[in-house]
Amino acid sequence: MSNKPLLDTDVLYIDTLAPHDPRYISNRRCIQAMEASRASTSIFNVLELCGRASFRLPKKKVEALFYDFLRRPWLDVLYPPFTTPLADRFFDDFVQSTLARILERFDFQDALIADIAEAHSVEAIVTWNIKHFVGKVRMPTLTPEEWLNMHKESET
């Protein structure tokens, strides 16, 4: 058990990417107080922050942001508790694969979905949010209506 606070993504986002947010000053004071002691965040928070940043910053800056968080001396980045070296290796690969997607302008959740879709060679990704995937994955990205039309045509 840790008595350190865990910083959620919104706190990290305001401090890093939203200096015009009305909560920035109090948010910054909180961060400065934590820099003088210790705090934590999760690897999922860091990946989520980078996913949001990928829509505003160049790829190199997003990658630098990711590694900057891992190197902050006052901030412990927490990982899921694994008990075997094989699980640790899997998770390291998972983080690197997710980061690679984020650097291609995926948000965190869509990066996970794209990895699974490509790993299983699905026929298509069917979503109302086609702009999240089109041109970024190997398979077609279709709206539900497009998928239905495509399958109606193939049945005739």
C-alpha atoms as a PDB file:
ATOM      1  CA  MET A   1       0.000   0.000   0.000  1.00  0.00           C
ATOM      2  CA  SER A   2       1.204   3.470  -0.835  1.00  0.00           C
ATOM      3  CA  ASN A   3       0.361   6.706   0.894  1.00  0.00           C
ATOM      4  CA  LYS A   4       1.224   8.715  -2.231  1.00  0.00           C
ATOM      5  CA  PRO A   5      -1.583  10.308  -4.227  1.00  0.00           C
ATOM      6  CA  LEU A   6      -2.294   9.070  -7.734  1.00  0.00           C
ATOM      7  CA  LEU A   7      -2.656  11.812 -10.333  1.00  0.00           C
ATOM      8  CA  ASP A   8      -5.442  11.258 -12.839  1.00  0.00           C
ATOM      9  CA  THR A   9      -5.073  12.138 -16.504  1.00  0.00           C
ATOM     10  CA  ASP A  10      -7.036  15.378 -16.229  1.00  0.00           C
ATOM     11  CA  VAL A  11      -4.550  16.793 -13.702  1.00  0.00           C
ATOM     12  CA  LEU A  12      -1.610  15.790 -15.911  1.00  0.00           C
ATOM     13  CA  TYR A  13      -3.354  17.178 -18.998  1.00  0.00           C
ATOM     14  CA  ILE A  14      -4.041  20.595 -17.462  1.00  0.00           C
ATOM     15  CA  ASP A  15      -0.467  20.856 -16.180  1.00  0.00           C
ATOM     16  CA  THR A  16       1.124  19.768 -19.438  1.00  0.00           C
ATOM     17  CA  LEU A  17      -1.168  20.875 -22.248  1.00  0.00           C
ATOM     18  CA  ALA A  18      -3.804  23.313 -20.965  1.00  0.00           C
ATOM     19  CA  PRO A  19      -2.194  26.414 -19.420  1.00  0.00           C
ATOM     20  CA  HIS A  20      -5.304  28.455 -20.286  1.00  0.00           C
ATOM     21  CA  ASP A  21      -7.638  26.197 -18.313  1.00  0.00           C
ATOM     22  CA  PRO A  22      -9.261  28.148 -15.455  1.00  0.00           C
ATOM     23  CA  ARG A  23      -8.012  25.466 -13.017  1.00  0.00           C
ATOM     24  CA  TYR A  24      -4.402  25.730 -14.207  1.00  0.00           C
ATOM     25  CA  ILE A  25      -3.078  27.866 -11.301  1.00  0.00           C
ATOM     26  CA  SER A  26      -4.466  25.672  -8.541  1.00  0.00           C
ATOM     27  CA  ASN A  27      -3.556  22.568 -10.543  1.00  0.00           C
ATOM     28  CA  ARG A  28       0.051  23.844 -10.929  1.00  0.00           C
ATOM     29  CA  ARG A  29       0.293  24.566  -7.181  1.00  0.00           C
ATOM     30  CA  CYS A  30      -0.776  21.024  -6.463  1.00  0.00           C
ATOM     31  CA  ILE A  31       1.810  19.622  -8.888  1.00  0.00           C
ATOM     32  CA  GLN A  32       4.553  21.804  -7.362  1.00  0.00           C
ATOM     33  CA  ALA A  33       3.686  20.556  -3.880  1.00  0.00           C
ATOM     34  CA  MET A  34       3.871  16.983  -5.140  1.00  0.00           C
ATOM     35  CA  GLU A  35       7.202  17.643  -6.854  1.00  0.00           C
ATOM     36  CA  ALA A  36       8.569  18.505  -3.398  1.00  0.00           C
ATOM     37  CA  SER A  37       7.459  15.123  -2.063  1.00  0.00           C
ATOM     38  CA  ARG A  38       6.239  12.212  -4.193  1.00  0.00           C
ATOM     39  CA  ALA A  39       3.202  11.245  -6.214  1.00  0.00           C
ATOM     40  CA  SER A  40       2.157   8.510  -8.588  1.00  0.00           C
ATOM     41  CA  THR A  41       0.160   7.960 -11.748  1.00  0.00           C
ATOM     42  CA  SER A  42      -0.526   4.835 -13.757  1.00  0.00           C
ATOM     43  CA  ILE A  43       0.950   3.830 -17.078  1.00  0.00           C
ATOM     44  CA  PHE A  44      -2.624   3.981 -18.396  1.00  0.00           C
ATOM     45  CA  ASN A  45      -2.876   7.646 -17.388  1.00  0.00           C
ATOM     46  CA  VAL A  46       0.376   8.417 -19.215  1.00  0.00           C
ATOM     47  CA  LEU A  47      -0.804   6.591 -22.339  1.00  0.00           C
ATOM     48  CA  GLU A  48      -4.177   8.354 -22.194  1.00  0.00           C
ATOM     49  CA  LEU A  49      -2.443  11.737 -21.890  1.00  0.00           C
ATOM     50  CA  CYS A  50      -0.207  10.938 -24.864  1.00  0.00           C
ATOM     51  CA  GLY A  51      -3.239   9.840 -26.867  1.00  0.00           C
ATOM     52  CA  ARG A  52      -4.868  13.214 -26.261  1.00  0.00           C
ATOM     53  CA  ALA A  53      -1.607  15.028 -27.032  1.00  0.00           C
ATOM     54  CA  SER A  54      -1.189  13.145 -30.327  1.00  0.00           C
ATOM     55  CA  PHE A  55      -3.915  15.283 -31.880  1.00  0.00           C
ATOM     56  CA  ARG A  56      -2.127  18.526 -30.963  1.00  0.00           C
ATOM     57  CA  LEU A  57       1.583  17.781 -31.029  1.00  0.00           C
ATOM     58  CA  PRO A  58       4.037  16.311 -33.550  1.00  0.00           C
ATOM     59  CA  LYS A  59       4.931  12.651 -33.142  1.00  0.00           C
ATOM     60  CA  LYS A  60       8.412  13.354 -31.691  1.00  0.00           C
ATOM     61  CA  LYS A  61       6.959  15.627 -29.002  1.00  0.00           C
ATOM     62  CA  VAL A  62       4.371  13.043 -27.988  1.00  0.00           C
ATOM     63  CA  GLU A  63       7.079  10.399 -27.733  1.00  0.00           C
ATOM     64  CA  ALA A  64       9.239  12.785 -25.671  1.00  0.00           C
ATOM     65  CA  LEU A  65       6.261  13.499 -23.413  1.00  0.00           C
ATOM     66  CA  PHE A  66       5.798   9.762 -22.779  1.00  0.00           C
ATOM     67  CA  TYR A  67       9.417   9.209 -21.787  1.00  0.00           C
ATOM     68  CA  ASP A  68       9.531  12.449 -19.793  1.00  0.00           C
ATOM     69  CA  PHE A  69       6.810  11.122 -17.492  1.00  0.00           C
ATOM     70  CA  LEU A  70       8.717   7.879 -16.979  1.00  0.00           C
ATOM     71  CA  ARG A  71      11.811   9.859 -15.894  1.00  0.00           C
ATOM     72  CA  ARG A  72      10.261  12.373 -13.488  1.00  0.00           C
ATOM     73  CA  PRO A  73      12.048  11.720 -10.182  1.00  0.00           C
ATOM     74  CA  TRP A  74       9.092  12.734  -8.013  1.00  0.00           C
ATOM     75  CA  LEU A  75       6.526  10.705  -9.964  1.00  0.00           C
ATOM     76  CA  ASP A  76       6.167   6.939  -9.701  1.00  0.00           C
ATOM     77  CA  VAL A  77       4.497   5.470 -12.779  1.00  0.00           C
ATOM     78  CA  LEU A  78       2.572   2.439 -11.570  1.00  0.00           C
ATOM     79  CA  TYR A  79       2.065  -0.711 -13.643  1.00  0.00           C
ATOM     80  CA  PRO A  80      -0.392  -3.539 -13.118  1.00  0.00           C
ATOM     81  CA  PRO A  81       0.979  -6.013 -10.577  1.00  0.00           C
ATOM     82  CA  PHE A  82       2.398  -8.974 -12.474  1.00  0.00           C
ATOM     83  CA  THR A  83       4.027 -11.907 -10.758  1.00  0.00           C
ATOM     84  CA  THR A  84       5.979 -13.534 -13.590  1.00  0.00           C
ATOM     85  CA  PRO A  85       8.713 -12.348 -15.946  1.00  0.00           C
ATOM     86  CA  LEU A  86       6.615 -13.522 -18.909  1.00  0.00           C
ATOM     87  CA  ALA A  87       3.735 -11.260 -17.850  1.00  0.00           C
ATOM     88  CA  ASP A  88       6.164  -8.365 -17.410  1.00  0.00           C
ATOM     89  CA  ARG A  89       7.503  -8.929 -20.930  1.00  0.00           C
ATOM     90  CA  PHE A  90       3.983  -9.089 -22.338  1.00  0.00           C
ATOM     91  CA  PHE A  91       3.103  -5.808 -20.681  1.00  0.00           C
ATOM     92  CA  ASP A  92       6.280  -4.093 -21.908  1.00  0.00           C
ATOM     93  CA  ASP A  93       5.356  -5.145 -25.457  1.00  0.00           C
ATOM     94  CA  PHE A  94       1.788  -3.967 -24.883  1.00  0.00           C
ATOM     95  CA  VAL A  95       2.939  -0.511 -23.774  1.00  0.00           C
ATOM     96  CA  GLN A  96       5.319  -0.127 -26.725  1.00  0.00           C
ATOM     97  CA  SER A  97       2.673  -1.279 -29.216  1.00  0.00           C
ATOM     98  CA  THR A  98       0.092   1.099 -27.737  1.00  0.00           C
ATOM     99  CA  LEU A  99       2.555   4.000 -27.786  1.00  0.00           C
ATOM    100  CA  ALA A 100       3.360   3.299 -31.441  1.00  0.00           C
ATOM    101  CA  ARG A 101      -0.351   3.600 -32.276  1.00  0.00           C
ATOM    102  CA  ILE A 102      -0.688   6.787 -30.228  1.00  0.00           C
ATOM    103  CA  LEU A 103       2.177   8.301 -32.183  1.00  0.00           C
ATOM    104  CA  GLU A 104       0.025   7.714 -35.287  1.00  0.00           C
ATOM    105  CA  ARG A 105      -2.717   9.925 -33.764  1.00  0.00           C
ATOM    106  CA  PHE A 106      -4.843   7.303 -32.058  1.00  0.00           C
ATOM    107  CA  ASP A 107      -6.323   8.013 -28.662  1.00  0.00           C
ATOM    108  CA  PHE A 108      -5.618   5.406 -26.000  1.00  0.00           C
ATOM    109  CA  GLN A 109      -8.809   3.374 -26.360  1.00  0.00           C
ATOM    110  CA  ASP A 110      -8.739   3.355 -30.172  1.00  0.00           C
ATOM    111  CA  ALA A 111      -5.088   2.270 -30.096  1.00  0.00           C
ATOM    112  CA  LEU A 112      -6.115  -0.812 -28.105  1.00  0.00           C
ATOM    113  CA  ILE A 113      -8.988  -1.574 -30.481  1.00  0.00           C
ATOM    114  CA  ALA A 114      -6.789  -1.188 -33.578  1.00  0.00           C
ATOM    115  CA  ASP A 115      -4.161  -3.552 -32.158  1.00  0.00           C
ATOM    116  CA  ILE A 116      -6.749  -6.226 -31.436  1.00  0.00           C
ATOM    117  CA  ALA A 117      -8.431  -5.802 -34.819  1.00  0.00           C
ATOM    118  CA  GLU A 118      -5.139  -6.180 -36.687  1.00  0.00           C
ATOM    119  CA  ALA A 119      -3.899  -9.048 -34.501  1.00  0.00           C
ATOM    120  CA  HIS A 120      -7.039 -11.007 -35.370  1.00  0.00           C
ATOM    121  CA  SER A 121      -7.226  -9.905 -39.035  1.00  0.00           C
ATOM    122  CA  VAL A 122     -10.856  -8.856 -38.738  1.00  0.00           C
ATOM    123  CA  GLU A 123     -12.873  -8.227 -41.899  1.00  0.00           C
ATOM    124  CA  ALA A 124     -13.469  -4.553 -41.062  1.00  0.00           C
ATOM    125  CA  ILE A 125     -13.855  -2.139 -38.186  1.00  0.00           C
ATOM    126  CA  VAL A 126     -17.487  -1.050 -38.036  1.00  0.00           C
ATOM    127  CA  THR A 127     -17.951   2.262 -36.237  1.00  0.00           C
ATOM    128  CA  TRP A 128     -19.719   5.581 -36.475  1.00  0.00           C
ATOM    129  CA  ASN A 129     -16.317   7.144 -35.756  1.00  0.00           C
ATOM    130  CA  ILE A 130     -14.630   6.139 -38.991  1.00  0.00           C
ATOM    131  CA  LYS A 131     -12.238   9.089 -38.842  1.00  0.00           C
ATOM    132  CA  HIS A 132     -10.642   7.440 -35.791  1.00  0.00           C
ATOM    133  CA  PHE A 133      -9.444   4.470 -37.889  1.00  0.00           C
ATOM    134  CA  VAL A 134      -9.651   5.130 -41.643  1.00  0.00           C
ATOM    135  CA  GLY A 135      -6.217   5.175 -43.246  1.00  0.00           C
ATOM    136  CA  LYS A 136      -4.602   4.047 -39.987  1.00  0.00           C
ATOM    137  CA  VAL A 137      -5.403   0.322 -40.045  1.00  0.00           C
ATOM    138  CA  ARG A 138      -4.918  -2.411 -42.651  1.00  0.00           C
ATOM    139  CA  MET A 139      -8.583  -3.360 -42.914  1.00  0.00           C
ATOM    140  CA  PRO A 140     -11.541  -1.286 -44.138  1.00  0.00           C
ATOM    141  CA  THR A 141     -13.254   1.067 -41.712  1.00  0.00           C
ATOM    142  CA  LEU A 142     -16.994   1.229 -42.338  1.00  0.00           C
ATOM    143  CA  THR A 143     -20.070   2.810 -40.808  1.00  0.00           C
ATOM    144  CA  PRO A 144     -22.811   0.336 -39.855  1.00  0.00           C
ATOM    145  CA  GLU A 145     -24.781   1.495 -42.911  1.00  0.00           C
ATOM    146  CA  GLU A 146     -21.801   0.912 -45.222  1.00  0.00           C
ATOM    147  CA  TRP A 147     -21.274  -2.561 -43.768  1.00  0.00           C
ATOM    148  CA  LEU A 148     -24.959  -3.437 -44.228  1.00  0.00           C
ATOM    149  CA  ASN A 149     -24.926  -2.184 -47.820  1.00  0.00           C
ATOM    150  CA  MET A 150     -21.773  -4.141 -48.569  1.00  0.00           C
ATOM    151  CA  HIS A 151     -23.303  -7.337 -47.189  1.00  0.00           C
ATOM    152  CA  LYS A 152     -26.640  -6.809 -48.969  1.00  0.00           C
ATOM    153  CA  GLU A 153     -24.738  -6.554 -52.261  1.00  0.00           C
ATOM    154  CA  SER A 154     -22.752  -9.717 -51.573  1.00  0.00           C
ATOM    155  CA  GLU A 155     -25.963 -11.670 -50.781  1.00  0.00           C
ATOM    156  CA  THR A 156     -27.524 -10.870 -54.157  1.00  0.00           C
END
